[in-house]
């Protein structure tokens, strides 16, 4: 590792907030665990981790090449990242408001999924999730990819995958129990609001 630890911690903090927040990947892991059991939920968590690792590797290498070829692209990316963070914050704050006003609603379980089917389903959701692309655009405006060496990129990707697996394992274990859905219905609006404020703070920092 040639880079200091601080940019890694910044990226992982932003990524963790995005991974833990309600979205297609989270809902997929929840519904898999609810309907098909803990093993299917853990397979979904593994699928998310693998997908996040691929997104991390592909985006990091791609952006590193872009920044070397077009140095001004980093400044342009920072402006895009600010806009995306404000957009993220607006969406999550709106979801929090609607959740407090109307409730978060019921979650439909995905029944009959084998671990293999759950893994592949999770991987496909991750691949087609537009939130993943925009998230990595934001993240790589915070990470000095132009100065990163192979070890730095490997550490960044491994940490991202481990974060995704750890957080989604928590969701898989929790939502394989009957009480989790009731608790989620109460906490989801507050989680959305906290994530919205977090992203808004990063936009102001940028």
C-alpha atoms as a PDB file:
ATOM      1  CA  UNK A   1       0.000   0.000   0.000  1.00  0.00           C
ATOM      2  CA  UNK A   2       1.461   3.350  -1.038  1.00  0.00           C
ATOM      3  CA  UNK A   3      -1.448   5.671  -0.183  1.00  0.00           C
ATOM      4  CA  UNK A   4      -2.249   6.841   3.362  1.00  0.00           C
ATOM      5  CA  UNK A   5      -5.134   5.152   5.162  1.00  0.00           C
ATOM      6  CA  UNK A   6      -7.408   8.223   5.271  1.00  0.00           C
ATOM      7  CA  UNK A   7      -8.758   8.060   1.677  1.00  0.00           C
ATOM      8  CA  UNK A   8      -9.574   4.372   2.129  1.00  0.00           C
ATOM      9  CA  UNK A   9     -11.510   5.125   5.316  1.00  0.00           C
ATOM     10  CA  UNK A  10     -13.389   7.953   3.600  1.00  0.00           C
ATOM     11  CA  UNK A  11     -14.400   5.744   0.675  1.00  0.00           C
ATOM     12  CA  UNK A  12     -15.399   2.844   2.916  1.00  0.00           C
ATOM     13  CA  UNK A  13     -17.488   5.152   5.117  1.00  0.00           C
ATOM     14  CA  UNK A  14     -19.418   6.505   2.119  1.00  0.00           C
ATOM     15  CA  UNK A  15     -19.775   3.017   0.688  1.00  0.00           C
ATOM     16  CA  UNK A  16     -20.973   1.559   3.987  1.00  0.00           C
ATOM     17  CA  UNK A  17     -23.699   4.183   4.276  1.00  0.00           C
ATOM     18  CA  UNK A  18     -24.796   3.425   0.729  1.00  0.00           C
ATOM     19  CA  UNK A  19     -24.748  -0.354   1.241  1.00  0.00           C
ATOM     20  CA  UNK A  20     -26.711  -0.251   4.492  1.00  0.00           C
ATOM     21  CA  UNK A  21     -29.372   2.113   3.119  1.00  0.00           C
ATOM     22  CA  UNK A  22     -32.620   0.800   1.581  1.00  0.00           C
ATOM     23  CA  UNK A  23     -32.285  -0.004  -2.095  1.00  0.00           C
ATOM     24  CA  UNK A  24     -32.597  -2.875  -4.600  1.00  0.00           C
ATOM     25  CA  UNK A  25     -29.697  -4.897  -3.163  1.00  0.00           C
ATOM     26  CA  UNK A  26     -30.860  -4.552   0.441  1.00  0.00           C
ATOM     27  CA  UNK A  27     -34.467  -5.393  -0.390  1.00  0.00           C
ATOM     28  CA  UNK A  28     -33.346  -8.411  -2.423  1.00  0.00           C
ATOM     29  CA  UNK A  29     -31.301  -9.813   0.470  1.00  0.00           C
ATOM     30  CA  UNK A  30     -34.151  -9.147   2.899  1.00  0.00           C
ATOM     31  CA  UNK A  31     -36.799 -10.822   0.771  1.00  0.00           C
ATOM     32  CA  UNK A  32     -34.538 -13.793  -0.008  1.00  0.00           C
ATOM     33  CA  UNK A  33     -33.883 -14.406   3.692  1.00  0.00           C
ATOM     34  CA  UNK A  34     -37.537 -13.892   4.620  1.00  0.00           C
ATOM     35  CA  UNK A  35     -38.950 -16.259   2.029  1.00  0.00           C
ATOM     36  CA  UNK A  36     -36.193 -18.818   1.470  1.00  0.00           C
ATOM     37  CA  UNK A  37     -34.299 -18.882   4.754  1.00  0.00           C
ATOM     38  CA  UNK A  38     -30.972 -17.848   6.163  1.00  0.00           C
ATOM     39  CA  UNK A  39     -28.852 -19.881   3.735  1.00  0.00           C
ATOM     40  CA  UNK A  40     -30.444 -18.153   0.739  1.00  0.00           C
ATOM     41  CA  UNK A  41     -29.961 -14.808   2.475  1.00  0.00           C
ATOM     42  CA  UNK A  42     -26.267 -15.512   3.017  1.00  0.00           C
ATOM     43  CA  UNK A  43     -25.924 -16.540  -0.632  1.00  0.00           C
ATOM     44  CA  UNK A  44     -27.487 -13.204  -1.562  1.00  0.00           C
ATOM     45  CA  UNK A  45     -24.939 -11.438   0.669  1.00  0.00           C
ATOM     46  CA  UNK A  46     -22.133 -13.279  -1.143  1.00  0.00           C
ATOM     47  CA  UNK A  47     -23.595 -12.178  -4.484  1.00  0.00           C
ATOM     48  CA  UNK A  48     -23.645  -8.549  -3.385  1.00  0.00           C
ATOM     49  CA  UNK A  49     -20.038  -8.781  -2.157  1.00  0.00           C
ATOM     50  CA  UNK A  50     -18.865 -10.298  -5.435  1.00  0.00           C
ATOM     51  CA  UNK A  51     -20.759  -7.677  -7.441  1.00  0.00           C
ATOM     52  CA  UNK A  52     -19.427  -4.789  -5.364  1.00  0.00           C
ATOM     53  CA  UNK A  53     -15.894  -6.137  -5.775  1.00  0.00           C
ATOM     54  CA  UNK A  54     -16.340  -6.214  -9.562  1.00  0.00           C
ATOM     55  CA  UNK A  55     -17.805  -2.698  -9.620  1.00  0.00           C
ATOM     56  CA  UNK A  56     -14.894  -1.488  -7.494  1.00  0.00           C
ATOM     57  CA  UNK A  57     -12.238  -3.067  -9.696  1.00  0.00           C
ATOM     58  CA  UNK A  58     -13.799  -2.021 -13.005  1.00  0.00           C
ATOM     59  CA  UNK A  59     -14.542   1.559 -11.995  1.00  0.00           C
ATOM     60  CA  UNK A  60     -11.184   2.089 -10.267  1.00  0.00           C
ATOM     61  CA  UNK A  61      -9.135   0.870 -13.215  1.00  0.00           C
ATOM     62  CA  UNK A  62     -11.318   2.749 -15.690  1.00  0.00           C
ATOM     63  CA  UNK A  63     -11.172   6.031 -13.806  1.00  0.00           C
ATOM     64  CA  UNK A  64      -7.416   5.711 -13.250  1.00  0.00           C
ATOM     65  CA  UNK A  65      -6.916   5.415 -17.006  1.00  0.00           C
ATOM     66  CA  UNK A  66      -9.265   8.343 -17.657  1.00  0.00           C
ATOM     67  CA  UNK A  67      -7.524  10.631 -15.161  1.00  0.00           C
ATOM     68  CA  UNK A  68      -4.117   9.849 -16.653  1.00  0.00           C
ATOM     69  CA  UNK A  69      -5.349  10.604 -20.163  1.00  0.00           C
ATOM     70  CA  UNK A  70      -7.475  13.650 -19.267  1.00  0.00           C
ATOM     71  CA  UNK A  71      -6.308  15.254 -15.977  1.00  0.00           C
ATOM     72  CA  UNK A  72      -9.136  17.815 -15.944  1.00  0.00           C
ATOM     73  CA  UNK A  73     -11.603  14.920 -15.785  1.00  0.00           C
ATOM     74  CA  UNK A  74     -11.071  14.719 -12.017  1.00  0.00           C
ATOM     75  CA  UNK A  75     -12.412  18.247 -11.528  1.00  0.00           C
ATOM     76  CA  UNK A  76     -15.372  17.462 -13.765  1.00  0.00           C
ATOM     77  CA  UNK A  77     -16.015  14.254 -11.830  1.00  0.00           C
ATOM     78  CA  UNK A  78     -16.014  16.172  -8.545  1.00  0.00           C
ATOM     79  CA  UNK A  79     -18.768  18.448  -9.854  1.00  0.00           C
ATOM     80  CA  UNK A  80     -20.757  15.412 -11.016  1.00  0.00           C
ATOM     81  CA  UNK A  81     -20.230  13.791  -7.621  1.00  0.00           C
ATOM     82  CA  UNK A  82     -21.579  16.851  -5.801  1.00  0.00           C
ATOM     83  CA  UNK A  83     -24.699  16.764  -7.949  1.00  0.00           C
ATOM     84  CA  UNK A  84     -25.175  13.030  -7.362  1.00  0.00           C
ATOM     85  CA  UNK A  85     -24.707  13.375  -3.609  1.00  0.00           C
ATOM     86  CA  UNK A  86     -27.347  16.095  -3.462  1.00  0.00           C
ATOM     87  CA  UNK A  87     -29.623  13.885  -5.572  1.00  0.00           C
ATOM     88  CA  UNK A  88     -29.009  10.916  -3.249  1.00  0.00           C
ATOM     89  CA  UNK A  89     -29.701  13.087  -0.221  1.00  0.00           C
ATOM     90  CA  UNK A  90     -32.928  14.431  -1.706  1.00  0.00           C
ATOM     91  CA  UNK A  91     -34.193  10.938  -2.515  1.00  0.00           C
ATOM     92  CA  UNK A  92     -33.419   9.537   0.923  1.00  0.00           C
ATOM     93  CA  UNK A  93     -34.851  12.534   2.771  1.00  0.00           C
ATOM     94  CA  UNK A  94     -38.014  12.295   0.653  1.00  0.00           C
ATOM     95  CA  UNK A  95     -38.235   8.555   1.405  1.00  0.00           C
ATOM     96  CA  UNK A  96     -37.831   9.295   5.110  1.00  0.00           C
ATOM     97  CA  UNK A  97     -40.610  11.888   4.996  1.00  0.00           C
ATOM     98  CA  UNK A  98     -42.953   9.523   3.171  1.00  0.00           C
ATOM     99  CA  UNK A  99     -42.042   6.693   5.513  1.00  0.00           C
ATOM    100  CA  UNK A 100     -42.840   8.728   8.623  1.00  0.00           C
ATOM    101  CA  UNK A 101     -46.053   9.962   7.030  1.00  0.00           C
ATOM    102  CA  UNK A 102     -47.417   6.751   5.515  1.00  0.00           C
ATOM    103  CA  UNK A 103     -45.306   3.920   6.905  1.00  0.00           C
ATOM    104  CA  UNK A 104     -42.763   1.898   4.931  1.00  0.00           C
ATOM    105  CA  UNK A 105     -45.226  -0.779   3.782  1.00  0.00           C
ATOM    106  CA  UNK A 106     -44.955  -4.520   3.616  1.00  0.00           C
ATOM    107  CA  UNK A 107     -42.044  -6.444   2.122  1.00  0.00           C
ATOM    108  CA  UNK A 108     -42.937  -9.365  -0.144  1.00  0.00           C
ATOM    109  CA  UNK A 109     -40.808 -12.455   0.526  1.00  0.00           C
ATOM    110  CA  UNK A 110     -39.047 -14.367  -2.276  1.00  0.00           C
ATOM    111  CA  UNK A 111     -39.881 -18.015  -1.673  1.00  0.00           C
ATOM    112  CA  UNK A 112     -38.270 -21.185  -2.983  1.00  0.00           C
ATOM    113  CA  UNK A 113     -34.800 -19.802  -3.812  1.00  0.00           C
ATOM    114  CA  UNK A 114     -31.861 -22.206  -3.649  1.00  0.00           C
ATOM    115  CA  UNK A 115     -28.516 -20.765  -2.508  1.00  0.00           C
ATOM    116  CA  UNK A 116     -27.283 -20.824  -6.127  1.00  0.00           C
ATOM    117  CA  UNK A 117     -30.411 -19.103  -7.426  1.00  0.00           C
ATOM    118  CA  UNK A 118     -30.219 -16.539  -4.640  1.00  0.00           C
ATOM    119  CA  UNK A 119     -26.552 -15.799  -5.417  1.00  0.00           C
ATOM    120  CA  UNK A 120     -27.234 -15.350  -9.145  1.00  0.00           C
ATOM    121  CA  UNK A 121     -30.324 -13.251  -8.472  1.00  0.00           C
ATOM    122  CA  UNK A 122     -28.327 -11.003  -6.150  1.00  0.00           C
ATOM    123  CA  UNK A 123     -25.534 -10.674  -8.689  1.00  0.00           C
ATOM    124  CA  UNK A 124     -27.981  -9.696 -11.433  1.00  0.00           C
ATOM    125  CA  UNK A 125     -29.703  -7.113  -9.211  1.00  0.00           C
ATOM    126  CA  UNK A 126     -26.301  -5.641  -8.395  1.00  0.00           C
ATOM    127  CA  UNK A 127     -25.245  -5.531 -12.037  1.00  0.00           C
ATOM    128  CA  UNK A 128     -28.427  -3.754 -13.159  1.00  0.00           C
ATOM    129  CA  UNK A 129     -28.661  -1.390 -10.195  1.00  0.00           C
ATOM    130  CA  UNK A 130     -28.113   2.213 -11.423  1.00  0.00           C
ATOM    131  CA  UNK A 131     -27.331   3.156  -7.832  1.00  0.00           C
ATOM    132  CA  UNK A 132     -24.104   1.118  -8.086  1.00  0.00           C
ATOM    133  CA  UNK A 133     -22.755   3.122 -11.028  1.00  0.00           C
ATOM    134  CA  UNK A 134     -23.595   6.504  -9.549  1.00  0.00           C
ATOM    135  CA  UNK A 135     -22.217   5.456  -6.173  1.00  0.00           C
ATOM    136  CA  UNK A 136     -18.841   4.607  -7.670  1.00  0.00           C
ATOM    137  CA  UNK A 137     -18.731   7.869  -9.596  1.00  0.00           C
ATOM    138  CA  UNK A 138     -19.090   9.629  -6.240  1.00  0.00           C
ATOM    139  CA  UNK A 139     -16.616   7.380  -4.455  1.00  0.00           C
ATOM    140  CA  UNK A 140     -13.870   7.777  -7.036  1.00  0.00           C
ATOM    141  CA  UNK A 141     -14.100  11.541  -6.767  1.00  0.00           C
ATOM    142  CA  UNK A 142     -12.932  11.018  -3.159  1.00  0.00           C
ATOM    143  CA  UNK A 143     -10.157   8.498  -3.845  1.00  0.00           C
ATOM    144  CA  UNK A 144      -6.820   9.428  -5.528  1.00  0.00           C
ATOM    145  CA  UNK A 145      -7.014   6.745  -8.215  1.00  0.00           C
ATOM    146  CA  UNK A 146      -4.423   8.485 -10.409  1.00  0.00           C
ATOM    147  CA  UNK A 147      -1.787   7.897  -7.678  1.00  0.00           C
ATOM    148  CA  UNK A 148      -2.989   4.452  -6.647  1.00  0.00           C
ATOM    149  CA  UNK A 149      -0.801   1.405  -7.244  1.00  0.00           C
ATOM    150  CA  UNK A 150      -1.944  -2.191  -7.681  1.00  0.00           C
ATOM    151  CA  UNK A 151      -1.806  -2.854  -3.929  1.00  0.00           C
ATOM    152  CA  UNK A 152      -3.950   0.192  -3.201  1.00  0.00           C
ATOM    153  CA  UNK A 153      -6.584  -0.872  -5.716  1.00  0.00           C
ATOM    154  CA  UNK A 154      -6.554  -4.448  -4.370  1.00  0.00           C
ATOM    155  CA  UNK A 155      -7.054  -3.173  -0.808  1.00  0.00           C
ATOM    156  CA  UNK A 156      -9.841  -0.810  -1.863  1.00  0.00           C
ATOM    157  CA  UNK A 157     -11.709  -3.578  -3.717  1.00  0.00           C
ATOM    158  CA  UNK A 158     -11.211  -6.165  -0.961  1.00  0.00           C
ATOM    159  CA  UNK A 159     -12.426  -3.732   1.682  1.00  0.00           C
ATOM    160  CA  UNK A 160     -15.473  -2.826  -0.412  1.00  0.00           C
ATOM    161  CA  UNK A 161     -16.395  -6.483  -0.931  1.00  0.00           C
ATOM    162  CA  UNK A 162     -15.889  -7.288   2.761  1.00  0.00           C
ATOM    163  CA  UNK A 163     -18.075  -4.345   3.782  1.00  0.00           C
ATOM    164  CA  UNK A 164     -20.843  -5.479   1.437  1.00  0.00           C
ATOM    165  CA  UNK A 165     -20.705  -9.066   2.665  1.00  0.00           C
ATOM    166  CA  UNK A 166     -20.665  -8.064   6.351  1.00  0.00           C
ATOM    167  CA  UNK A 167     -23.591  -5.657   6.076  1.00  0.00           C
ATOM    168  CA  UNK A 168     -25.717  -7.962   3.938  1.00  0.00           C
ATOM    169  CA  UNK A 169     -24.925 -10.919   6.192  1.00  0.00           C
ATOM    170  CA  UNK A 170     -26.419  -8.860   9.003  1.00  0.00           C
ATOM    171  CA  UNK A 171     -29.548  -8.297   6.934  1.00  0.00           C
ATOM    172  CA  UNK A 172     -29.721 -11.988   5.973  1.00  0.00           C
ATOM    173  CA  UNK A 173     -29.446 -13.175   9.569  1.00  0.00           C
ATOM    174  CA  UNK A 174     -31.901 -10.588  10.870  1.00  0.00           C
ATOM    175  CA  UNK A 175     -34.548 -11.077   8.198  1.00  0.00           C
ATOM    176  CA  UNK A 176     -34.552 -14.834   8.542  1.00  0.00           C
ATOM    177  CA  UNK A 177     -36.435 -14.150  11.790  1.00  0.00           C
ATOM    178  CA  UNK A 178     -40.103 -13.177  12.010  1.00  0.00           C
ATOM    179  CA  UNK A 179     -39.608 -10.070  14.157  1.00  0.00           C
ATOM    180  CA  UNK A 180     -37.255  -8.291  11.747  1.00  0.00           C
ATOM    181  CA  UNK A 181     -39.939  -7.070   9.336  1.00  0.00           C
ATOM    182  CA  UNK A 182     -41.871  -5.319  12.110  1.00  0.00           C
ATOM    183  CA  UNK A 183     -38.695  -3.671  13.385  1.00  0.00           C
ATOM    184  CA  UNK A 184     -37.700  -2.608   9.866  1.00  0.00           C
ATOM    185  CA  UNK A 185     -41.073  -0.958   9.306  1.00  0.00           C
ATOM    186  CA  UNK A 186     -40.373   1.292  12.294  1.00  0.00           C
ATOM    187  CA  UNK A 187     -36.699   2.003  11.592  1.00  0.00           C
ATOM    188  CA  UNK A 188     -36.567   2.359   7.787  1.00  0.00           C
ATOM    189  CA  UNK A 189     -37.669   6.044   7.660  1.00  0.00           C
ATOM    190  CA  UNK A 190     -35.092   7.033  10.291  1.00  0.00           C
ATOM    191  CA  UNK A 191     -32.346   5.130   8.427  1.00  0.00           C
ATOM    192  CA  UNK A 192     -33.274   6.861   5.174  1.00  0.00           C
ATOM    193  CA  UNK A 193     -33.200  10.254   6.878  1.00  0.00           C
ATOM    194  CA  UNK A 194     -29.789   9.616   8.445  1.00  0.00           C
ATOM    195  CA  UNK A 195     -28.339   8.466   5.119  1.00  0.00           C
ATOM    196  CA  UNK A 196     -29.767  11.538   3.368  1.00  0.00           C
ATOM    197  CA  UNK A 197     -28.124  13.882   5.863  1.00  0.00           C
ATOM    198  CA  UNK A 198     -24.846  11.969   5.574  1.00  0.00           C
ATOM    199  CA  UNK A 199     -24.757  12.363   1.785  1.00  0.00           C
ATOM    200  CA  UNK A 200     -25.725  16.027   2.028  1.00  0.00           C
ATOM    201  CA  UNK A 201     -22.811  16.576   4.418  1.00  0.00           C
ATOM    202  CA  UNK A 202     -20.373  14.993   1.961  1.00  0.00           C
ATOM    203  CA  UNK A 203     -21.723  17.161  -0.844  1.00  0.00           C
ATOM    204  CA  UNK A 204     -21.020  20.256   1.237  1.00  0.00           C
ATOM    205  CA  UNK A 205     -17.529  18.945   2.027  1.00  0.00           C
ATOM    206  CA  UNK A 206     -16.743  18.465  -1.677  1.00  0.00           C
END
